[in-house]
Protein backbone atom coordinates (compact mmCIF):
# COMPACT_ATOMS: atom_id res chain seq x y z
CA MET A 1 67.96 79.68 128.14
CA HIS A 2 69.75 81.84 125.88
CA ARG A 3 72.86 79.64 125.65
CA HIS A 4 70.44 76.75 124.55
CA PHE A 5 69.01 78.98 121.97
CA SER A 6 72.52 79.62 120.56
CA ILE A 7 73.29 75.80 120.41
CA ILE A 8 70.10 75.14 118.67
CA LEU A 9 70.96 78.03 116.11
CA ILE A 10 74.36 76.47 115.58
CA CYS A 11 72.88 73.11 114.84
CA LEU A 12 70.68 74.71 112.21
CA LEU A 13 73.61 76.53 110.64
CA SER A 14 75.55 73.14 110.43
CA ILE A 15 72.78 71.60 108.44
CA LEU A 16 72.51 74.63 106.06
CA SER A 17 76.12 74.64 105.62
CA CYS A 18 75.95 71.59 103.68
CA GLN A 19 73.89 73.20 101.08
CA VAL A 20 76.10 76.28 101.20
CA VAL A 21 79.07 74.12 100.36
CA LYS A 22 77.53 72.51 97.46
CA ALA A 23 76.06 75.74 96.09
CA GLU A 24 79.31 77.77 96.43
CA ASN A 25 81.00 75.83 93.63
CA ILE A 26 84.16 77.98 93.57
CA GLY A 27 86.28 77.39 90.41
CA LYS A 28 88.96 78.62 88.24
CA LYS A 29 86.73 81.42 86.88
CA GLU A 30 86.02 82.90 90.62
CA VAL A 31 89.63 82.30 91.47
CA ALA A 32 90.79 84.43 88.42
CA SER A 33 88.40 87.20 89.14
CA ILE A 34 89.22 87.51 92.75
CA LEU A 35 93.00 87.57 91.94
CA LYS A 36 92.43 90.39 89.51
CA ARG A 37 90.57 92.27 92.07
CA LEU A 38 93.42 91.76 94.79
CA ASP A 39 95.83 93.00 92.05
CA ARG A 40 93.81 96.26 91.76
CA GLU A 41 93.54 96.64 95.54
CA LEU A 42 97.37 96.30 96.06
CA SER A 43 97.95 98.82 93.45
CA ARG A 44 95.91 101.35 95.83
CA ARG A 45 97.84 100.11 98.80
CA ASN A 46 99.69 103.25 99.51
CA ASP A 47 96.27 105.29 99.45
CA TYR A 48 94.81 102.87 102.16
CA ILE A 49 97.89 103.32 104.25
CA GLU A 50 97.82 106.97 103.96
CA LEU A 51 94.06 107.17 105.07
CA ARG A 52 95.21 105.07 108.04
CA ARG A 53 98.08 107.62 108.90
CA HIS A 54 95.53 110.41 108.77
CA SER A 55 93.20 108.76 111.16
CA ILE A 56 96.15 108.07 113.66
CA ASP A 57 97.42 111.80 113.23
CA SER A 58 93.80 112.88 114.24
CA LEU A 59 94.13 110.76 117.32
CA ARG A 60 97.54 112.09 118.33
CA ARG A 61 96.24 115.63 118.22
CA LYS A 62 93.80 114.77 120.97
CA LEU A 63 96.58 113.87 123.33
CA SER A 64 96.89 117.44 124.23
CA ASP A 65 93.53 117.20 126.16
CA THR A 66 93.98 117.87 129.89
CA ASN A 67 91.15 115.62 131.01
CA THR A 68 92.72 112.39 132.37
CA ASP A 69 89.88 110.00 131.35
CA SER A 70 89.90 111.42 127.79
CA ARG A 71 93.75 111.04 127.66
CA LEU A 72 93.50 107.49 128.80
CA ALA A 73 90.90 106.82 126.23
CA THR A 74 92.95 108.25 123.49
CA LEU A 75 96.11 106.49 124.47
CA LEU A 76 94.01 103.28 124.35
CA SER A 77 92.71 104.11 120.82
CA LEU A 78 96.15 105.01 119.50
CA GLY A 79 97.68 101.62 120.58
CA ASP A 80 94.66 99.75 118.93
CA ASN A 81 94.91 101.79 115.74
CA TYR A 82 98.70 101.09 115.52
CA ASN A 83 98.05 97.21 115.93
CA ALA A 84 98.83 95.37 112.84
CA PHE A 85 100.35 98.70 111.63
CA ASN A 86 103.25 99.41 113.71
CA THR A 87 103.95 97.26 116.59
CA ASP A 88 106.38 99.32 118.21
CA SER A 89 104.16 102.43 118.23
CA ALA A 90 101.21 100.20 119.52
CA LEU A 91 103.35 99.06 122.52
CA HIS A 92 104.65 102.59 123.11
CA PHE A 93 101.19 104.11 123.52
CA TYR A 94 100.04 100.97 125.66
CA SER A 95 102.97 101.58 128.03
CA GLN A 96 102.12 105.39 128.25
CA GLY A 97 98.78 104.46 128.96
CA LEU A 98 99.82 101.89 131.84
CA LYS A 99 102.00 104.52 133.40
CA LEU A 100 99.18 107.28 133.51
CA ALA A 101 96.76 104.76 134.82
CA ILE A 102 99.01 103.74 137.56
CA SER A 103 99.89 107.37 138.42
CA LEU A 104 96.04 107.87 138.81
CA GLU A 105 95.42 104.58 140.74
CA ASN A 106 93.07 103.66 138.09
CA ASP A 107 93.38 99.62 138.48
CA SER A 108 90.84 98.94 135.76
CA ALA A 109 92.61 101.02 133.27
CA ALA A 110 96.01 99.84 134.16
CA SER A 111 94.95 96.06 133.92
CA ARG A 112 93.67 96.81 130.56
CA PHE A 113 96.76 98.45 129.40
CA GLU A 114 99.01 95.80 130.83
CA LEU A 115 96.87 92.87 128.95
CA ARG A 116 97.03 94.88 125.64
CA ARG A 117 100.92 95.25 125.99
CA ALA A 118 101.41 91.45 126.81
CA THR A 119 99.19 90.35 123.82
CA TYR A 120 101.49 91.77 121.23
CA LEU A 121 104.80 91.38 123.15
CA PRO A 122 105.20 88.10 121.16
CA LEU A 123 105.32 90.12 117.90
CA LEU A 124 108.57 91.64 118.91
CA ALA A 125 109.75 88.13 120.10
CA PHE A 126 109.53 89.03 123.67
CA ASN A 127 107.65 85.68 124.58
CA SER A 128 109.02 85.29 128.19
CA GLN A 129 108.04 88.90 129.16
CA ALA A 130 104.62 88.35 127.80
CA ILE A 131 104.23 85.01 129.56
CA GLU A 132 105.64 86.68 132.74
CA VAL A 133 102.74 89.47 132.64
CA PHE A 134 100.06 86.84 132.35
CA ASP A 135 101.60 84.74 135.23
CA ARG A 136 101.57 87.60 137.59
CA ILE A 137 97.76 88.55 136.81
CA ASN A 138 95.19 86.52 138.65
CA PRO A 139 92.00 86.57 136.69
CA ASP A 140 89.96 86.24 140.01
CA ASN A 141 91.31 89.50 141.13
CA LEU A 142 90.73 91.51 138.01
CA PRO A 143 88.11 94.53 137.96
CA GLU A 144 84.58 93.74 136.81
CA GLY A 145 84.27 93.68 132.98
CA LEU A 146 87.99 92.62 132.34
CA HIS A 147 87.76 88.90 132.36
CA GLU A 148 86.64 88.95 128.71
CA GLU A 149 89.64 90.79 127.76
CA TYR A 150 92.02 88.85 129.91
CA TYR A 151 91.03 85.67 128.01
CA ASP A 152 90.90 87.26 124.68
CA ALA A 153 94.45 88.49 125.35
CA ALA A 154 95.67 85.10 126.54
CA ARG A 155 94.25 83.40 123.44
CA GLN A 156 95.93 85.88 121.10
CA MET A 157 99.21 85.98 122.99
CA TYR A 158 99.68 81.96 123.19
CA PHE A 159 98.53 81.81 119.41
CA TYR A 160 101.43 84.35 118.62
CA ILE A 161 104.09 82.40 120.64
CA SER A 162 103.03 78.90 119.12
CA SER A 163 103.77 80.45 115.83
CA PHE A 164 107.52 80.56 116.85
CA TYR A 165 107.39 76.91 117.16
CA VAL A 166 105.94 75.49 114.04
CA SER A 167 108.90 73.12 113.61
CA SER A 168 108.84 71.86 117.20
CA PRO A 169 105.49 70.00 117.46
CA GLU A 170 105.49 69.49 121.12
CA ILE A 171 106.03 72.99 122.03
CA TYR A 172 103.70 74.30 119.29
CA ASP A 173 100.96 71.99 120.69
CA TYR A 174 101.56 72.94 124.28
CA TYR A 175 101.09 76.74 123.50
CA MET A 176 98.14 76.09 121.07
CA SER A 177 96.46 73.96 123.77
CA LYS A 178 96.64 76.97 126.21
CA ALA A 179 95.46 79.21 123.38
CA HIS A 180 92.39 76.82 122.94
CA GLY A 181 91.91 76.72 126.78
CA ALA A 182 91.67 80.36 126.86
CA GLN A 183 89.26 80.57 124.14
CA ALA A 184 87.11 78.13 125.62
CA LYS A 185 86.88 80.50 128.89
CA LEU A 186 86.33 83.26 126.66
CA LEU A 187 83.24 82.11 124.55
CA PRO A 188 80.77 81.94 127.66
CA LEU A 189 81.75 85.81 128.44
CA LEU A 190 80.87 86.84 125.06
CA ASN A 191 77.57 88.10 123.61
CA ASP A 192 76.12 85.35 121.55
CA ASP A 193 75.14 87.59 118.72
CA SER A 194 78.41 89.51 118.70
CA PRO A 195 80.90 89.38 115.64
CA ARG A 196 83.73 88.35 118.20
CA PHE A 197 81.75 85.55 119.56
CA LEU A 198 80.87 84.17 115.90
CA LEU A 199 84.62 84.39 114.86
CA ASN A 200 85.81 82.61 118.05
CA GLN A 201 83.09 80.17 117.85
CA GLY A 202 83.97 79.59 114.24
CA GLU A 203 87.73 79.09 115.33
CA TYR A 204 86.69 76.81 118.02
CA PHE A 205 84.80 74.47 115.70
CA TYR A 206 87.60 74.66 113.25
CA TYR A 207 90.21 73.59 115.62
CA HIS A 208 88.05 70.65 116.68
CA GLN A 209 87.52 69.64 113.06
CA GLU A 210 83.88 70.43 112.93
CA TYR A 211 84.22 72.26 109.71
CA SER A 212 80.58 72.31 108.51
CA LYS A 213 79.64 74.17 111.84
CA ALA A 214 82.63 76.52 111.53
CA LYS A 215 82.02 77.31 107.87
CA ALA A 216 78.33 78.01 108.50
CA ILE A 217 79.13 80.53 111.34
CA LEU A 218 81.85 82.28 109.42
CA MET A 219 79.83 82.86 106.34
CA LEU A 220 77.04 84.21 108.58
CA LEU A 221 79.79 86.63 110.08
CA LEU A 222 80.98 87.78 106.67
CA ASP A 223 77.51 89.09 105.58
CA ARG A 224 77.50 91.21 108.96
CA LEU A 225 80.95 92.93 108.45
CA PRO A 226 82.38 95.58 106.19
CA GLU A 227 85.16 94.11 103.99
CA GLU A 228 87.83 96.12 105.50
CA ASP A 229 87.24 95.07 109.05
CA ASN A 230 90.01 92.80 110.60
CA LEU A 231 87.58 90.36 111.71
CA TYR A 232 86.38 89.89 108.11
CA ALA A 233 89.98 89.22 107.21
CA ARG A 234 90.47 86.71 109.95
CA ALA A 235 87.13 84.96 109.04
CA CYS A 236 88.48 84.58 105.41
CA HIS A 237 91.63 83.05 106.61
CA LEU A 238 89.75 80.56 108.72
CA LEU A 239 87.58 79.68 105.77
CA ALA A 240 90.74 79.26 103.68
CA ASP A 241 92.09 76.85 106.23
CA ILE A 242 88.78 74.96 106.19
CA SER A 243 88.95 74.74 102.44
CA LYS A 244 92.48 73.55 102.77
CA ALA A 245 91.61 70.86 105.31
CA ARG A 246 88.89 69.54 102.92
CA GLY A 247 91.09 69.56 99.83
CA GLU A 248 89.19 72.32 98.29
CA HIS A 249 92.11 73.97 96.45
CA HIS A 250 90.22 76.67 94.50
CA ALA A 251 88.31 77.72 97.48
CA TYR A 252 91.43 77.83 99.60
CA THR A 253 93.16 80.34 97.12
CA TYR A 254 89.74 82.23 96.83
CA TYR A 255 89.37 82.96 100.51
CA LEU A 256 93.05 83.69 101.04
CA ALA A 257 92.71 86.41 98.40
CA LEU A 258 89.58 87.80 99.91
CA SER A 259 91.40 87.88 103.31
CA ALA A 260 94.41 89.68 101.73
CA ILE A 261 91.93 92.18 99.83
CA ALA A 262 90.39 92.89 103.56
CA ASP A 263 93.83 93.29 104.97
CA THR A 264 94.82 95.72 102.22
CA ARG A 265 91.72 97.78 102.48
CA GLY A 266 92.23 98.03 105.99
CA ALA A 267 95.87 98.96 105.81
CA THR A 268 96.64 95.85 107.89
CA LEU A 269 100.44 95.17 107.72
CA GLU A 270 100.72 92.33 110.23
CA VAL A 271 99.33 89.74 108.10
CA SER A 272 100.06 86.18 106.61
CA SER A 273 97.25 85.65 103.84
CA LEU A 274 99.34 87.39 101.10
CA GLN A 275 102.38 85.56 102.01
CA GLU A 276 100.53 82.11 101.84
CA LEU A 277 98.96 83.40 98.59
CA GLY A 278 102.53 84.09 97.18
CA ARG A 279 103.58 80.50 97.88
CA ILE A 280 100.54 79.23 96.00
CA MET A 281 101.18 81.46 93.13
CA TYR A 282 104.64 80.21 92.80
CA LEU A 283 103.51 76.41 92.99
CA ASN A 284 101.00 77.31 90.31
CA GLY A 285 103.67 78.65 88.16
CA ASP A 286 102.39 82.30 88.24
CA ILE A 287 105.79 83.81 88.91
CA ASP A 288 104.78 87.56 88.48
CA ARG A 289 102.14 87.26 90.96
CA ALA A 290 104.23 85.31 93.34
CA TYR A 291 107.12 87.86 93.14
CA ASP A 292 104.63 90.75 93.71
CA TYR A 293 102.64 89.10 96.65
CA LEU A 294 105.79 87.80 98.46
CA SER A 295 107.61 91.18 98.11
CA THR A 296 104.62 93.14 99.32
CA ALA A 297 104.41 90.70 102.37
CA LEU A 298 107.94 91.17 103.26
CA GLN A 299 107.82 94.91 102.80
CA GLU A 300 104.66 94.95 105.15
CA ALA A 301 106.37 92.84 107.83
CA VAL A 302 109.46 95.35 107.77
CA GLU A 303 107.04 98.37 107.98
CA CYS A 304 104.99 96.90 110.74
CA ASN A 305 108.31 96.01 112.60
CA ALA A 306 107.01 92.61 113.59
CA PRO A 307 109.95 90.18 113.90
CA LEU A 308 107.54 87.22 113.98
CA ARG A 309 106.27 88.02 110.65
CA ILE A 310 109.86 89.00 109.31
CA LEU A 311 111.14 85.52 110.45
CA GLN A 312 108.22 83.98 108.46
CA SER A 313 108.95 85.95 105.51
CA SER A 314 112.64 85.05 105.55
CA GLN A 315 111.75 81.48 105.29
CA VAL A 316 110.39 82.34 101.80
CA PHE A 317 113.39 83.90 100.59
CA PRO A 318 114.50 81.23 98.35
CA ILE A 319 111.11 81.36 96.64
CA ILE A 320 111.47 85.05 96.13
CA GLU A 321 114.93 84.47 94.74
CA SER A 322 113.87 81.97 92.31
CA ALA A 323 110.88 84.21 91.37
CA HIS A 324 113.18 87.20 90.75
CA LYS A 325 115.50 85.23 88.68
CA ALA A 326 112.66 84.02 86.61
CA GLU A 327 111.54 87.48 86.26
CA ILE A 328 115.06 88.84 85.10
CA ARG A 329 115.00 85.99 82.40
CA GLN A 330 111.84 86.99 81.02
CA SER A 331 112.90 90.52 81.16
CA LYS A 332 116.01 89.71 79.05
CA ILE A 333 113.86 87.81 76.56
CA ARG A 334 111.47 90.87 76.25
CA LEU A 335 114.40 93.30 75.95
CA TYR A 336 116.03 91.23 73.02
CA ILE A 337 112.73 90.92 71.33
CA ILE A 338 112.29 94.87 71.51
CA MET A 339 115.87 95.32 70.26
CA VAL A 340 115.26 93.14 67.26
CA ILE A 341 111.89 94.74 66.49
CA MET A 342 113.61 98.15 66.78
CA ALA A 343 116.50 97.30 64.74
CA ILE A 344 113.96 95.78 62.03
CA LEU A 345 112.11 99.12 62.37
CA LEU A 346 115.11 101.04 61.78
CA VAL A 347 116.37 99.26 58.74
CA VAL A 348 112.62 99.66 57.14
CA LEU A 349 112.79 103.34 58.06
CA ALA A 350 116.03 103.82 56.51
CA SER A 351 115.34 101.83 53.45
CA THR A 352 111.92 103.82 53.19
CA LEU A 353 113.83 107.30 53.19
CA TYR A 354 116.42 106.12 50.61
CA ILE A 355 113.46 105.03 48.06
CA LEU A 356 111.63 108.42 48.67
CA HIS A 357 114.77 110.20 48.26
CA ARG A 358 115.48 108.63 44.80
CA LYS A 359 111.99 108.57 43.36
CA ASN A 360 110.83 112.09 44.33
CA ARG A 361 113.44 114.95 44.68
CA GLN A 362 110.66 117.17 45.35
CA MET A 363 110.22 115.71 48.77
CA ASN A 364 113.91 116.58 49.85
CA ARG A 365 112.60 118.96 52.47
CA MET A 366 110.41 116.34 54.02
CA ALA A 367 113.10 113.78 53.83
CA GLN A 368 115.45 116.08 55.62
CA ARG A 369 112.99 116.68 58.53
CA LEU A 370 112.31 112.81 58.72
CA GLU A 371 116.28 112.36 58.99
CA GLU A 372 116.40 114.92 61.66
CA ALA A 373 113.48 113.06 63.36
CA ASN A 374 115.39 109.74 62.85
CA ASN A 375 118.50 111.17 64.50
CA THR A 376 116.53 112.30 67.59
CA LYS A 377 115.01 108.71 67.76
CA ASP A 378 118.54 107.25 67.51
CA VAL A 379 119.64 109.43 70.49
CA TYR A 380 116.43 108.36 72.53
CA ILE A 381 116.96 104.84 71.76
CA THR A 382 120.54 105.10 72.67
CA GLN A 383 119.60 106.64 75.99
CA PHE A 384 117.03 104.01 76.56
CA LEU A 385 119.40 101.03 75.69
CA ASN A 386 121.88 102.54 78.23
CA LEU A 387 119.24 102.86 80.78
CA CYS A 388 118.34 99.14 80.14
CA SER A 389 122.11 98.25 80.28
CA ILE A 390 122.31 99.97 83.52
CA TYR A 391 119.35 98.36 85.14
CA MET A 392 120.54 94.82 83.88
CA ASP A 393 123.84 95.49 85.50
CA LYS A 394 122.36 96.81 88.64
CA LEU A 395 119.93 93.75 89.00
CA ASN A 396 122.78 91.41 88.37
CA GLN A 397 124.85 92.93 91.04
CA PHE A 398 121.86 93.18 93.49
CA ASN A 399 121.01 89.52 92.67
CA LYS A 400 124.67 88.46 93.61
CA MET A 401 124.56 90.69 96.58
CA VAL A 402 121.15 89.05 97.86
CA ASN A 403 122.45 85.49 96.88
CA ARG A 404 125.68 86.10 99.05
CA LYS A 405 123.88 87.70 102.06
CA ILE A 406 121.38 84.67 102.10
CA THR A 407 124.07 82.24 101.84
CA THR A 408 126.24 83.83 104.69
CA GLY A 409 122.90 84.11 106.69
CA LYS A 410 123.03 87.90 106.86
CA VAL A 411 119.32 88.26 106.25
CA ASP A 412 119.15 91.26 108.59
CA ASP A 413 121.54 93.06 106.45
CA LEU A 414 119.17 92.81 103.52
CA ILE A 415 116.22 93.91 105.66
CA LYS A 416 118.35 96.93 106.70
CA ILE A 417 119.37 97.67 102.94
CA THR A 418 115.80 97.43 101.80
CA LYS A 419 114.35 99.54 104.74
CA GLN A 420 117.01 102.34 104.15
CA GLY A 421 115.82 102.63 100.52
CA LYS A 422 119.35 103.70 99.39
CA PHE A 423 119.24 101.38 96.39
CA ILE A 424 116.00 102.70 95.17
CA GLU A 425 117.02 106.26 95.61
CA GLU A 426 120.41 105.52 93.65
CA GLN A 427 118.56 103.95 90.72
CA SER A 428 115.94 106.71 90.85
CA LYS A 429 118.87 109.39 90.45
CA GLU A 430 120.18 107.55 87.56
CA PHE A 431 116.77 107.38 85.92
CA TYR A 432 116.32 111.14 86.41
CA ASP A 433 119.67 111.83 84.81
CA VAL A 434 118.91 109.70 81.67
CA PHE A 435 115.38 111.12 81.51
CA ASP A 436 116.35 114.63 81.89
CA ASP A 437 118.97 114.45 79.01
CA ALA A 438 116.56 112.57 76.63
CA PHE A 439 113.67 114.99 77.21
CA LEU A 440 115.68 118.24 77.07
CA HIS A 441 117.11 117.00 73.85
CA ILE A 442 113.44 117.01 72.29
CA TYR A 443 112.31 119.98 74.29
CA PRO A 444 115.34 122.30 74.67
CA ASN A 445 113.35 125.29 75.59
CA PHE A 446 111.13 123.41 78.12
CA VAL A 447 111.95 125.50 81.23
CA ARG A 448 111.34 128.75 79.43
CA ASP A 449 108.02 127.53 78.03
CA VAL A 450 106.75 126.17 81.30
CA ASN A 451 107.59 129.52 82.95
CA LYS A 452 105.50 131.51 80.37
CA LEU A 453 102.56 129.49 81.88
CA LEU A 454 103.26 130.56 85.43
CA ARG A 455 102.68 134.04 87.18
CA PRO A 456 105.83 136.24 87.22
CA GLU A 457 106.31 135.76 91.16
CA GLU A 458 105.83 131.71 90.63
CA GLN A 459 108.49 131.26 88.10
CA ILE A 460 110.76 128.09 88.36
CA VAL A 461 114.32 128.92 89.09
CA MET A 462 116.91 126.04 88.33
CA ARG A 463 119.78 125.49 90.81
CA GLU A 464 123.26 125.48 89.37
CA GLY A 465 123.92 122.44 87.54
CA GLU A 466 120.17 121.33 87.69
CA LYS A 467 118.48 120.16 84.59
CA LEU A 468 114.97 119.50 85.78
CA ASN A 469 113.33 119.49 89.08
CA THR A 470 110.38 117.33 90.67
CA ASP A 471 107.94 120.17 89.32
CA LEU A 472 109.50 120.07 85.86
CA ARG A 473 109.44 116.20 85.64
CA ILE A 474 105.86 115.88 86.53
CA ILE A 475 105.02 118.72 83.91
CA ALA A 476 107.34 116.64 81.32
CA PHE A 477 105.47 113.36 82.02
CA MET A 478 102.12 115.26 81.44
CA ARG A 479 103.49 116.67 78.15
CA LEU A 480 104.40 113.18 77.11
CA GLY A 481 100.78 112.04 77.72
CA ILE A 482 101.09 110.30 80.91
CA GLU A 483 98.34 112.03 82.91
CA GLU A 484 97.52 109.54 85.59
CA SER A 485 99.19 110.42 88.92
CA ALA A 486 99.46 106.96 89.81
CA ARG A 487 101.84 106.21 86.68
CA ILE A 488 103.85 109.39 87.59
CA ALA A 489 104.21 108.41 91.15
CA GLN A 490 105.60 104.95 90.13
CA MET A 491 108.14 106.45 87.58
CA LEU A 492 109.21 109.16 90.09
CA ASN A 493 109.29 106.75 93.12
CA TYR A 494 106.75 109.15 95.15
CA SER A 495 103.43 108.38 96.65
CA VAL A 496 100.18 109.13 94.77
CA TYR A 497 99.22 111.70 97.26
CA THR A 498 102.56 113.59 96.84
CA ILE A 499 101.96 113.78 93.11
CA TYR A 500 98.48 114.99 93.66
CA THR A 501 99.83 117.67 95.92
CA TYR A 502 102.56 118.84 93.50
CA ARG A 503 100.03 118.96 90.51
CA ASN A 504 97.58 121.06 92.61
CA LYS A 505 100.25 123.57 93.62
CA LEU A 506 101.55 123.88 90.08
CA LYS A 507 97.90 124.80 88.98
CA ASN A 508 97.63 127.31 91.64
CA ARG A 509 100.97 128.93 90.47
CA ALA A 510 99.64 129.04 86.84
CA LEU A 511 98.27 132.34 84.95
CA SER A 512 95.19 130.28 84.14
CA ARG A 513 94.65 127.40 86.66
CA ASP A 514 91.60 125.76 84.52
CA SER A 515 93.66 125.64 81.19
CA PHE A 516 97.14 124.81 82.64
CA GLU A 517 97.22 121.32 81.67
CA ASP A 518 95.86 122.04 78.33
CA SER A 519 98.52 124.73 77.84
CA VAL A 520 101.25 122.12 78.79
CA MET A 521 100.31 119.78 76.02
CA LYS A 522 100.60 122.68 73.49
CA ILE A 523 104.36 122.90 74.35
CA LYS A 524 106.14 122.37 71.18
CA SER A 525 109.38 120.19 70.63
CA GLY A 526 112.67 121.63 69.04
CA LEU A 527 112.23 119.55 65.96
């Protein structure tokens, strides 16, 4: 009777969905708005990741609990929390839980851990091992309550495996049919009103091309879930697929962006929405967004250590390269424009000084000070142009190296290089050297003036050969009027959390914590 009621409800929703589709009317304005929101969320990506790490750390501290049931529950929670965040760690904790459950002869827990491991083994390209696990598990012999998990795990596992064979239709269709078969057996086991049932029912209707029913159910699901929920992201991705199948291009982009926002807010790194969105931006000519989205998607695939997503990302490397080249060309044009404007400004400034010197000799002193300021600007501009020249050269070298690696098929070397972060570290060091020289030229007594604001026992002592350290660079950016921690973090290649920590510690070392930042702004230059 309950199932019949569910069928009637679905039919009603399919009728209402026709009205929803007409009323939605997603156009360019809505797409532009959601993309701006996605850009804002991506700028906070590190904050969301840090929050998830804190949550995981809290769980890890519970592993010291001697109660075996609590330890099994904690290992399962750790594995689940590492899902879509770091696949290696997720499988590690599932394996630990499996060993503990076997040693305790807890068959139910052991089966649950084994199913979780098998689900995510394909993400590390261990397809045969995953299939082997499922082949040796007889669902009829599973403990009570695990049949739902069995078919859900089978659905997910076969879906992951099929992703490896997109270019081989026969193999792809074979594994997708097994995923759909598992899903068909899963649906009767789920609570008709649960979010998992609605998502799977919507997916089931989508794969059977009943798009109106699928969309109605998924829209209902979105109203019941928080935006950072993984099920919310999956529902949005399905809505994007439905829109694509119907030829609704604006809606396709809109729901992909909504899915990417949910993934970002939930610190989910094993994703495909942002990658697909990057391709769309490239095809639409939005090179800046294409480069940002595709680069972030690749970074997330590497951080998550999911070879499946890395493989998919490697297929879009030509797009990234093209976008990168286009970005370099635009940067060159902007640089040339800036240089021309600066040259014009310098000529105007020199002419003005000459005219003032001839017309009003009484302003000799002011003219002298202006000339000193001009010389300082020349030094600063020279440092800036040198820095631009260095970065242009480095970008050209990096571009050639990337092209050479891709041409020779050494994509793994590129991943290794980007993962190590050595290139960024070298560029940061060069930036620090140029910044330190330029800043100390303007504020030669900066270290002494800062120490006057600190307690005697908290004075900053420089190492031999050191010009500025991290503390002083943060204060230097504050003195230059850059007060936002996010901007300082970008320039110094640190996380926002690290900058907050440094600033808080500096305030604690000050003679007056409340007036420290105001006092920094009063530090005078040497001009």
